[in-house]
Amino acid sequence: MELLKLGTKGQVTIPRAILRSVGLTGDTPLLVETTPEGAILLRPAAVYPIEIYSDERVEEFERENAVPDALQARVRASLARGD
């Protein structure tokens, strides 16, 4: 356990050895929350890039994910027979 000092602006510096021990680098985004007991928890935040899809890209997804007509017909026939 290490003793840290809270700065006047509410900032703390986490020692590099602790960051390494949990696999964090200096540029890792963190989530902060408190517990009912008064503890402060820091957890790595997952950051994912966002892609805004154009209408053309959505149509491409729909084409790639479409069920072929022949397969649809086989499923309908199977359901009609009660298979």
Protein backbone atom coordinates (compact mmCIF):
# COMPACT_ATOMS: atom_id res chain seq x y z
CA MET A 1 0.00 0.00 0.00
CA GLU A 2 1.27 3.45 -0.83
CA LEU A 3 0.37 6.82 0.61
CA LEU A 4 -0.68 9.45 -1.93
CA LYS A 5 -1.35 13.11 -1.42
CA LEU A 6 -4.38 14.82 -2.88
CA GLY A 7 -3.29 18.00 -4.64
CA THR A 8 -4.99 21.35 -4.23
CA LYS A 9 -6.81 20.84 -7.55
CA GLY A 10 -8.13 17.42 -6.48
CA GLN A 11 -5.53 15.49 -8.46
CA VAL A 12 -3.51 12.43 -7.46
CA THR A 13 -0.58 10.81 -9.17
CA ILE A 14 -0.68 7.02 -9.24
CA PRO A 15 2.84 5.59 -8.93
CA ARG A 16 4.14 3.95 -12.11
CA ALA A 17 4.77 0.65 -10.28
CA ILE A 18 1.07 0.40 -9.40
CA LEU A 19 0.02 1.25 -12.96
CA ARG A 20 2.35 -1.43 -14.32
CA SER A 21 1.10 -4.02 -11.83
CA VAL A 22 -2.43 -3.67 -13.21
CA GLY A 23 -1.38 -3.25 -16.86
CA LEU A 24 -2.25 0.43 -17.32
CA THR A 25 -0.35 3.06 -19.24
CA GLY A 26 -0.36 6.78 -18.67
CA ASP A 27 -2.89 7.46 -21.41
CA THR A 28 -5.55 4.94 -20.36
CA PRO A 29 -9.03 6.47 -19.92
CA LEU A 30 -10.48 5.59 -16.52
CA LEU A 31 -13.96 5.45 -15.04
CA VAL A 32 -14.26 6.71 -11.48
CA GLU A 33 -17.00 5.86 -9.01
CA THR A 34 -17.54 5.82 -5.28
CA THR A 35 -18.85 3.07 -3.06
CA PRO A 36 -21.32 3.40 -0.16
CA GLU A 37 -18.35 2.79 2.15
CA GLY A 38 -16.60 5.90 0.83
CA ALA A 39 -14.00 4.18 -1.35
CA ILE A 40 -13.01 5.62 -4.71
CA LEU A 41 -12.77 3.04 -7.52
CA LEU A 42 -10.88 3.53 -10.77
CA ARG A 43 -11.49 1.15 -13.66
CA PRO A 44 -10.17 1.20 -17.23
CA ALA A 45 -12.78 2.49 -19.65
CA ALA A 46 -13.35 0.77 -22.96
CA VAL A 47 -13.34 3.32 -25.75
CA TYR A 48 -14.57 2.25 -29.15
CA PRO A 49 -14.45 4.29 -32.32
CA ILE A 50 -17.84 5.17 -33.74
CA GLU A 51 -18.60 4.86 -37.43
CA ILE A 52 -21.57 6.67 -38.88
CA TYR A 53 -22.93 4.47 -41.66
CA SER A 54 -24.06 5.97 -44.93
CA ASP A 55 -27.22 4.66 -46.60
CA GLU A 56 -25.01 2.85 -49.11
CA ARG A 57 -23.06 1.12 -46.31
CA VAL A 58 -26.31 0.05 -44.61
CA GLU A 59 -27.54 -1.41 -47.90
CA GLU A 60 -24.24 -3.28 -48.24
CA PHE A 61 -24.73 -4.81 -44.75
CA GLU A 62 -28.28 -5.80 -45.65
CA ARG A 63 -27.13 -7.47 -48.89
CA GLU A 64 -24.37 -9.37 -47.09
CA ASN A 65 -26.73 -10.55 -44.34
CA ALA A 66 -29.67 -11.42 -46.58
CA VAL A 67 -30.93 -14.99 -46.51
CA PRO A 68 -30.84 -16.45 -50.03
CA ASP A 69 -34.24 -16.94 -51.65
CA ALA A 70 -33.62 -20.67 -52.08
CA LEU A 71 -32.97 -21.11 -48.38
CA GLN A 72 -36.04 -19.07 -47.45
CA ALA A 73 -38.15 -21.28 -49.72
CA ARG A 74 -36.75 -24.45 -48.09
CA VAL A 75 -37.49 -23.11 -44.61
CA ARG A 76 -41.04 -22.15 -45.58
CA ALA A 77 -41.62 -25.58 -47.11
CA SER A 78 -40.22 -27.28 -44.02
CA LEU A 79 -42.46 -25.23 -41.74
CA ALA A 80 -45.49 -25.97 -43.91
CA ARG A 81 -44.77 -29.72 -43.64
CA GLY A 82 -44.33 -29.41 -39.86
CA ASP A 83 -40.73 -30.65 -39.85
